[in-house]
Amino acid sequence: MYADELKSIRLSLNLDMRSMAICLGNMPYRTYQDYEYGSRSIPAKVVTQVEALKLRNQNFFKQIGQRIAEEYPNGIISA
């Protein structure tokens, strides 16, 4: 994973850098910055954590869509 990919994933999760660092096991903010700015290579363990976070987010929104479809088969009617 490259720095630009890491940033893209973070932005897709709608997180700032500090929040992303916290989501990745409360890693130091400066360490996360170094990964995203390309000053440090991203360790395999962090790549695995980022991919798991991305997948968890995707699954969460997929489940919401499924639940809405089940509970409102005719769509949500506005008042």
PDB file of N, CA and C in Angstrom:
ATOM      1  N   MET A   1       0.852  -1.167   0.000  1.00  0.00           N
ATOM      2  CA  MET A   1       0.000   0.000   0.000  1.00  0.00           C
ATOM      3  C   MET A   1       0.904   1.237   0.000  1.00  0.00           C
ATOM      4  N   TYR A   2       0.479   2.229  -0.761  1.00  0.00           N
ATOM      5  CA  TYR A   2       1.225   3.479  -0.866  1.00  0.00           C
ATOM      6  C   TYR A   2       0.508   4.577  -0.090  1.00  0.00           C
ATOM      7  N   ALA A   3       1.220   5.660   0.162  1.00  0.00           N
ATOM      8  CA  ALA A   3       0.685   6.778   0.939  1.00  0.00           C
ATOM      9  C   ALA A   3      -0.605   7.331   0.337  1.00  0.00           C
ATOM     10  N   ASP A   4      -0.655   7.457  -0.986  1.00  0.00           N
ATOM     11  CA  ASP A   4      -1.864   8.007  -1.609  1.00  0.00           C
ATOM     12  C   ASP A   4      -3.062   7.084  -1.445  1.00  0.00           C
ATOM     13  N   GLU A   5      -2.817   5.774  -1.431  1.00  0.00           N
ATOM     14  CA  GLU A   5      -3.907   4.813  -1.205  1.00  0.00           C
ATOM     15  C   GLU A   5      -4.421   4.937   0.236  1.00  0.00           C
ATOM     16  N   LEU A   6      -3.484   5.078   1.164  1.00  0.00           N
ATOM     17  CA  LEU A   6      -3.851   5.222   2.571  1.00  0.00           C
ATOM     18  C   LEU A   6      -4.717   6.464   2.759  1.00  0.00           C
ATOM     19  N   LYS A   7      -4.308   7.567   2.162  1.00  0.00           N
ATOM     20  CA  LYS A   7      -5.077   8.805   2.268  1.00  0.00           C
ATOM     21  C   LYS A   7      -6.454   8.652   1.641  1.00  0.00           C
ATOM     22  N   SER A   8      -6.522   8.002   0.485  1.00  0.00           N
ATOM     23  CA  SER A   8      -7.791   7.795  -0.197  1.00  0.00           C
ATOM     24  C   SER A   8      -8.756   6.992   0.669  1.00  0.00           C
ATOM     25  N   ILE A   9      -8.259   5.951   1.301  1.00  0.00           N
ATOM     26  CA  ILE A   9      -9.100   5.134   2.172  1.00  0.00           C
ATOM     27  C   ILE A   9      -9.569   5.956   3.367  1.00  0.00           C
ATOM     28  N   ARG A  10      -8.652   6.715   3.959  1.00  0.00           N
ATOM     29  CA  ARG A  10      -9.024   7.557   5.103  1.00  0.00           C
ATOM     30  C   ARG A  10     -10.128   8.534   4.723  1.00  0.00           C
ATOM     31  N   LEU A  11      -9.982   9.168   3.576  1.00  0.00           N
ATOM     32  CA  LEU A  11     -10.997  10.129   3.138  1.00  0.00           C
ATOM     33  C   LEU A  11     -12.332   9.447   2.847  1.00  0.00           C
ATOM     34  N   SER A  12     -12.282   8.225   2.290  1.00  0.00           N
ATOM     35  CA  SER A  12     -13.529   7.492   2.018  1.00  0.00           C
ATOM     36  C   SER A  12     -14.250   7.118   3.314  1.00  0.00           C
ATOM     37  N   LEU A  13     -13.483   7.005   4.403  1.00  0.00           N
ATOM     38  CA  LEU A  13     -14.068   6.713   5.710  1.00  0.00           C
ATOM     39  C   LEU A  13     -14.507   7.989   6.426  1.00  0.00           C
ATOM     40  N   ASN A  14     -14.245   9.129   5.793  1.00  0.00           N
ATOM     41  CA  ASN A  14     -14.607  10.434   6.337  1.00  0.00           C
ATOM     42  C   ASN A  14     -13.945  10.686   7.688  1.00  0.00           C
ATOM     43  N   LEU A  15     -12.650  10.353   7.772  1.00  0.00           N
ATOM     44  CA  LEU A  15     -11.888  10.546   9.001  1.00  0.00           C
ATOM     45  C   LEU A  15     -10.775  11.553   8.779  1.00  0.00           C
ATOM     46  N   ASP A  16     -10.441  12.308   9.823  1.00  0.00           N
ATOM     47  CA  ASP A  16      -9.236  13.122   9.754  1.00  0.00           C
ATOM     48  C   ASP A  16      -8.052  12.231  10.160  1.00  0.00           C
ATOM     49  N   MET A  17      -6.855  12.746  10.019  1.00  0.00           N
ATOM     50  CA  MET A  17      -5.678  11.910  10.300  1.00  0.00           C
ATOM     51  C   MET A  17      -5.616  11.461  11.753  1.00  0.00           C
ATOM     52  N   ARG A  18      -5.972  12.329  12.659  1.00  0.00           N
ATOM     53  CA  ARG A  18      -5.919  11.969  14.077  1.00  0.00           C
ATOM     54  C   ARG A  18      -6.909  10.838  14.384  1.00  0.00           C
ATOM     55  N   SER A  19      -8.113  10.920  13.832  1.00  0.00           N
ATOM     56  CA  SER A  19      -9.122   9.875  14.053  1.00  0.00           C
ATOM     57  C   SER A  19      -8.691   8.555  13.436  1.00  0.00           C
ATOM     58  N   MET A  20      -8.078   8.620  12.259  1.00  0.00           N
ATOM     59  CA  MET A  20      -7.595   7.393  11.612  1.00  0.00           C
ATOM     60  C   MET A  20      -6.519   6.733  12.468  1.00  0.00           C
ATOM     61  N   ALA A  21      -5.622   7.536  13.022  1.00  0.00           N
ATOM     62  CA  ALA A  21      -4.575   6.990  13.892  1.00  0.00           C
ATOM     63  C   ALA A  21      -5.188   6.283  15.093  1.00  0.00           C
ATOM     64  N   ILE A  22      -6.237   6.861  15.651  1.00  0.00           N
ATOM     65  CA  ILE A  22      -6.923   6.245  16.786  1.00  0.00           C
ATOM     66  C   ILE A  22      -7.575   4.935  16.367  1.00  0.00           C
ATOM     67  N   CYS A  23      -8.222   4.931  15.200  1.00  0.00           N
ATOM     68  CA  CYS A  23      -8.875   3.709  14.702  1.00  0.00           C
ATOM     69  C   CYS A  23      -7.879   2.591  14.425  1.00  0.00           C
ATOM     70  N   LEU A  24      -6.647   2.954  14.186  1.00  0.00           N
ATOM     71  CA  LEU A  24      -5.616   1.952  13.909  1.00  0.00           C
ATOM     72  C   LEU A  24      -4.859   1.573  15.175  1.00  0.00           C
ATOM     73  N   GLY A  25      -5.569   1.449  16.253  1.00  0.00           N
ATOM     74  CA  GLY A  25      -4.968   0.974  17.492  1.00  0.00           C
ATOM     75  C   GLY A  25      -4.326   2.067  18.308  1.00  0.00           C
ATOM     76  N   ASN A  26      -4.861   3.281  18.187  1.00  0.00           N
ATOM     77  CA  ASN A  26      -4.351   4.417  18.956  1.00  0.00           C
ATOM     78  C   ASN A  26      -2.867   4.670  18.674  1.00  0.00           C
ATOM     79  N   MET A  27      -2.499   4.538  17.410  1.00  0.00           N
ATOM     80  CA  MET A  27      -1.110   4.777  17.018  1.00  0.00           C
ATOM     81  C   MET A  27      -0.797   6.264  17.177  1.00  0.00           C
ATOM     82  N   PRO A  28       0.453   6.606  17.422  1.00  0.00           N
ATOM     83  CA  PRO A  28       0.801   8.022  17.523  1.00  0.00           C
ATOM     84  C   PRO A  28       0.440   8.777  16.239  1.00  0.00           C
ATOM     85  N   TYR A  29      -0.116   9.957  16.432  1.00  0.00           N
ATOM     86  CA  TYR A  29      -0.546  10.788  15.303  1.00  0.00           C
ATOM     87  C   TYR A  29       0.602  11.051  14.342  1.00  0.00           C
ATOM     88  N   ARG A  30       1.758  11.362  14.868  1.00  0.00           N
ATOM     89  CA  ARG A  30       2.921  11.678  14.033  1.00  0.00           C
ATOM     90  C   ARG A  30       3.341  10.465  13.193  1.00  0.00           C
ATOM     91  N   THR A  31       3.243   9.283  13.745  1.00  0.00           N
ATOM     92  CA  THR A  31       3.569   8.068  12.994  1.00  0.00           C
ATOM     93  C   THR A  31       2.610   7.912  11.825  1.00  0.00           C
ATOM     94  N   TYR A  32       1.312   8.110  12.105  1.00  0.00           N
ATOM     95  CA  TYR A  32       0.336   8.010  11.015  1.00  0.00           C
ATOM     96  C   TYR A  32       0.623   9.056   9.947  1.00  0.00           C
ATOM     97  N   GLN A  33       0.918  10.273  10.354  1.00  0.00           N
ATOM     98  CA  GLN A  33       1.255  11.333   9.389  1.00  0.00           C
ATOM     99  C   GLN A  33       2.408  10.900   8.499  1.00  0.00           C
ATOM    100  N   ASP A  34       3.423  10.322   9.095  1.00  0.00           N
ATOM    101  CA  ASP A  34       4.588   9.866   8.322  1.00  0.00           C
ATOM    102  C   ASP A  34       4.187   8.824   7.280  1.00  0.00           C
ATOM    103  N   TYR A  35       3.281   7.935   7.619  1.00  0.00           N
ATOM    104  CA  TYR A  35       2.809   6.939   6.654  1.00  0.00           C
ATOM    105  C   TYR A  35       2.070   7.620   5.504  1.00  0.00           C
ATOM    106  N   GLU A  36       1.166   8.527   5.839  1.00  0.00           N
ATOM    107  CA  GLU A  36       0.345   9.151   4.806  1.00  0.00           C
ATOM    108  C   GLU A  36       1.142  10.125   3.940  1.00  0.00           C
ATOM    109  N   TYR A  37       2.142  10.758   4.506  1.00  0.00           N
ATOM    110  CA  TYR A  37       2.972  11.679   3.729  1.00  0.00           C
ATOM    111  C   TYR A  37       4.088  10.958   2.965  1.00  0.00           C
ATOM    112  N   GLY A  38       4.215   9.659   3.200  1.00  0.00           N
ATOM    113  CA  GLY A  38       5.228   8.892   2.485  1.00  0.00           C
ATOM    114  C   GLY A  38       6.615   8.985   3.083  1.00  0.00           C
ATOM    115  N   SER A  39       6.732   9.538   4.282  1.00  0.00           N
ATOM    116  CA  SER A  39       8.028   9.644   4.955  1.00  0.00           C
ATOM    117  C   SER A  39       8.502   8.308   5.504  1.00  0.00           C
ATOM    118  N   ARG A  40       7.565   7.430   5.767  1.00  0.00           N
ATOM    119  CA  ARG A  40       7.852   6.076   6.270  1.00  0.00           C
ATOM    120  C   ARG A  40       7.070   5.087   5.434  1.00  0.00           C
ATOM    121  N   SER A  41       7.657   3.925   5.241  1.00  0.00           N
ATOM    122  CA  SER A  41       6.898   2.879   4.559  1.00  0.00           C
ATOM    123  C   SER A  41       5.852   2.326   5.527  1.00  0.00           C
ATOM    124  N   ILE A  42       4.751   1.867   4.963  1.00  0.00           N
ATOM    125  CA  ILE A  42       3.634   1.392   5.775  1.00  0.00           C
ATOM    126  C   ILE A  42       3.836  -0.099   6.056  1.00  0.00           C
ATOM    127  N   PRO A  43       3.950  -0.477   7.327  1.00  0.00           N
ATOM    128  CA  PRO A  43       4.160  -1.885   7.667  1.00  0.00           C
ATOM    129  C   PRO A  43       2.964  -2.760   7.280  1.00  0.00           C
ATOM    130  N   ALA A  44       3.220  -4.013   7.036  1.00  0.00           N
ATOM    131  CA  ALA A  44       2.172  -4.959   6.647  1.00  0.00           C
ATOM    132  C   ALA A  44       1.047  -5.008   7.682  1.00  0.00           C
ATOM    133  N   LYS A  45       1.404  -4.909   8.957  1.00  0.00           N
ATOM    134  CA  LYS A  45       0.391  -4.948  10.020  1.00  0.00           C
ATOM    135  C   LYS A  45      -0.582  -3.777   9.881  1.00  0.00           C
ATOM    136  N   VAL A  46      -0.076  -2.611   9.545  1.00  0.00           N
ATOM    137  CA  VAL A  46      -0.933  -1.431   9.389  1.00  0.00           C
ATOM    138  C   VAL A  46      -1.801  -1.580   8.146  1.00  0.00           C
ATOM    139  N   VAL A  47      -1.225  -2.113   7.073  1.00  0.00           N
ATOM    140  CA  VAL A  47      -1.999  -2.352   5.848  1.00  0.00           C
ATOM    141  C   VAL A  47      -3.172  -3.278   6.155  1.00  0.00           C
ATOM    142  N   THR A  48      -2.912  -4.328   6.908  1.00  0.00           N
ATOM    143  CA  THR A  48      -3.965  -5.272   7.288  1.00  0.00           C
ATOM    144  C   THR A  48      -5.045  -4.573   8.107  1.00  0.00           C
ATOM    145  N   GLN A  49      -4.650  -3.718   9.038  1.00  0.00           N
ATOM    146  CA  GLN A  49      -5.614  -2.989   9.861  1.00  0.00           C
ATOM    147  C   GLN A  49      -6.454  -2.032   9.011  1.00  0.00           C
ATOM    148  N   VAL A  50      -5.815  -1.342   8.078  1.00  0.00           N
ATOM    149  CA  VAL A  50      -6.531  -0.400   7.215  1.00  0.00           C
ATOM    150  C   VAL A  50      -7.542  -1.142   6.351  1.00  0.00           C
ATOM    151  N   GLU A  51      -7.131  -2.263   5.779  1.00  0.00           N
ATOM    152  CA  GLU A  51      -8.043  -3.040   4.937  1.00  0.00           C
ATOM    153  C   GLU A  51      -9.212  -3.580   5.747  1.00  0.00           C
ATOM    154  N   ALA A  52      -8.964  -4.005   6.981  1.00  0.00           N
ATOM    155  CA  ALA A  52     -10.040  -4.503   7.847  1.00  0.00           C
ATOM    156  C   ALA A  52     -11.003  -3.374   8.196  1.00  0.00           C
ATOM    157  N   LEU A  53     -10.478  -2.187   8.465  1.00  0.00           N
ATOM    158  CA  LEU A  53     -11.313  -1.032   8.767  1.00  0.00           C
ATOM    159  C   LEU A  53     -12.186  -0.658   7.580  1.00  0.00           C
ATOM    160  N   LYS A  54     -11.603  -0.674   6.399  1.00  0.00           N
ATOM    161  CA  LYS A  54     -12.343  -0.367   5.168  1.00  0.00           C
ATOM    162  C   LYS A  54     -13.460  -1.387   4.948  1.00  0.00           C
ATOM    163  N   LEU A  55     -13.152  -2.663   5.125  1.00  0.00           N
ATOM    164  CA  LEU A  55     -14.139  -3.727   4.937  1.00  0.00           C
ATOM    165  C   LEU A  55     -15.261  -3.620   5.969  1.00  0.00           C
ATOM    166  N   ARG A  56     -14.908  -3.331   7.208  1.00  0.00           N
ATOM    167  CA  ARG A  56     -15.917  -3.184   8.260  1.00  0.00           C
ATOM    168  C   ARG A  56     -16.870  -2.044   7.921  1.00  0.00           C
ATOM    169  N   ASN A  57     -16.324  -0.950   7.419  1.00  0.00           N
ATOM    170  CA  ASN A  57     -17.142   0.196   7.025  1.00  0.00           C
ATOM    171  C   ASN A  57     -18.072  -0.179   5.862  1.00  0.00           C
ATOM    172  N   GLN A  58     -17.551  -0.864   4.866  1.00  0.00           N
ATOM    173  CA  GLN A  58     -18.367  -1.280   3.717  1.00  0.00           C
ATOM    174  C   GLN A  58     -19.490  -2.200   4.163  1.00  0.00           C
ATOM    175  N   ASN A  59     -19.174  -3.152   5.029  1.00  0.00           N
ATOM    176  CA  ASN A  59     -20.193  -4.092   5.514  1.00  0.00           C
ATOM    177  C   ASN A  59     -21.270  -3.385   6.331  1.00  0.00           C
ATOM    178  N   PHE A  60     -20.859  -2.413   7.120  1.00  0.00           N
ATOM    179  CA  PHE A  60     -21.812  -1.655   7.927  1.00  0.00           C
ATOM    180  C   PHE A  60     -22.845  -0.976   7.034  1.00  0.00           C
ATOM    181  N   PHE A  61     -22.383  -0.284   6.001  1.00  0.00           N
ATOM    182  CA  PHE A  61     -23.320   0.426   5.133  1.00  0.00           C
ATOM    183  C   PHE A  61     -24.131  -0.524   4.266  1.00  0.00           C
ATOM    184  N   LYS A  62     -23.570  -1.658   3.918  1.00  0.00           N
ATOM    185  CA  LYS A  62     -24.323  -2.660   3.165  1.00  0.00           C
ATOM    186  C   LYS A  62     -25.475  -3.192   4.021  1.00  0.00           C
ATOM    187  N   GLN A  63     -25.199  -3.450   5.293  1.00  0.00           N
ATOM    188  CA  GLN A  63     -26.236  -3.949   6.201  1.00  0.00           C
ATOM    189  C   GLN A  63     -27.326  -2.914   6.416  1.00  0.00           C
ATOM    190  N   ILE A  64     -26.949  -1.661   6.496  1.00  0.00           N
ATOM    191  CA  ILE A  64     -27.963  -0.610   6.653  1.00  0.00           C
ATOM    192  C   ILE A  64     -28.896  -0.604   5.448  1.00  0.00           C
ATOM    193  N   GLY A  65     -28.310  -0.682   4.254  1.00  0.00           N
ATOM    194  CA  GLY A  65     -29.127  -0.715   3.040  1.00  0.00           C
ATOM    195  C   GLY A  65     -30.071  -1.896   3.021  1.00  0.00           C
ATOM    196  N   GLN A  66     -29.590  -3.052   3.442  1.00  0.00           N
ATOM    197  CA  GLN A  66     -30.418  -4.250   3.475  1.00  0.00           C
ATOM    198  C   GLN A  66     -31.542  -4.107   4.500  1.00  0.00           C
ATOM    199  N   ARG A  67     -31.232  -3.550   5.656  1.00  0.00           N
ATOM    200  CA  ARG A  67     -32.258  -3.384   6.690  1.00  0.00           C
ATOM    201  C   ARG A  67     -33.332  -2.398   6.256  1.00  0.00           C
ATOM    202  N   ILE A  68     -32.931  -1.333   5.607  1.00  0.00           N
ATOM    203  CA  ILE A  68     -33.914  -0.367   5.120  1.00  0.00           C
ATOM    204  C   ILE A  68     -34.819  -1.022   4.085  1.00  0.00           C
ATOM    205  N   ALA A  69     -34.234  -1.799   3.175  1.00  0.00           N
ATOM    206  CA  ALA A  69     -35.020  -2.480   2.144  1.00  0.00           C
ATOM    207  C   ALA A  69     -36.006  -3.462   2.763  1.00  0.00           C
ATOM    208  N   GLU A  70     -35.594  -4.145   3.826  1.00  0.00           N
ATOM    209  CA  GLU A  70     -36.474  -5.109   4.488  1.00  0.00           C
ATOM    210  C   GLU A  70     -37.600  -4.404   5.251  1.00  0.00           C
ATOM    211  N   GLU A  71     -37.261  -3.346   5.965  1.00  0.00           N
ATOM    212  CA  GLU A  71     -38.243  -2.667   6.807  1.00  0.00           C
ATOM    213  C   GLU A  71     -39.165  -1.740   6.017  1.00  0.00           C
ATOM    214  N   TYR A  72     -38.707  -1.287   4.869  1.00  0.00           N
ATOM    215  CA  TYR A  72     -39.495  -0.374   4.042  1.00  0.00           C
ATOM    216  C   TYR A  72     -39.522  -0.880   2.590  1.00  0.00           C
ATOM    217  N   PRO A  73     -40.205  -1.983   2.350  1.00  0.00           N
ATOM    218  CA  PRO A  73     -40.176  -2.575   1.010  1.00  0.00           C
ATOM    219  C   PRO A  73     -40.738  -1.654  -0.079  1.00  0.00           C
ATOM    220  N   ASN A  74     -41.586  -0.709   0.302  1.00  0.00           N
ATOM    221  CA  ASN A  74     -42.147   0.240  -0.666  1.00  0.00           C
ATOM    222  C   ASN A  74     -41.419   1.577  -0.664  1.00  0.00           C
ATOM    223  N   GLY A  75     -40.252   1.604   0.008  1.00  0.00           N
ATOM    224  CA  GLY A  75     -39.495   2.848   0.113  1.00  0.00           C
ATOM    225  C   GLY A  75     -39.931   3.640   1.325  1.00  0.00           C
ATOM    226  N   ILE A  76     -39.147   4.629   1.644  1.00  0.00           N
ATOM    227  CA  ILE A  76     -39.459   5.498   2.773  1.00  0.00           C
ATOM    228  C   ILE A  76     -40.314   6.650   2.277  1.00  0.00           C
ATOM    229  N   ILE A  77     -41.491   6.767   2.870  1.00  0.00           N
ATOM    230  CA  ILE A  77     -42.432   7.794   2.449  1.00  0.00           C
ATOM    231  C   ILE A  77     -42.211   9.040   3.294  1.00  0.00           C
ATOM    232  N   SER A  78     -42.009  10.157   2.636  1.00  0.00           N
ATOM    233  CA  SER A  78     -41.803  11.404   3.379  1.00  0.00           C
ATOM    234  C   SER A  78     -43.158  11.995   3.764  1.00  0.00           C
ATOM    235  N   ALA A  79     -43.138  12.726   4.837  1.00  0.00           N
ATOM    236  CA  ALA A  79     -44.382  13.321   5.363  1.00  0.00           C
ATOM    237  C   ALA A  79     -44.774  14.562   4.605  1.00  0.00           C
TER     238      ALA A  79
END
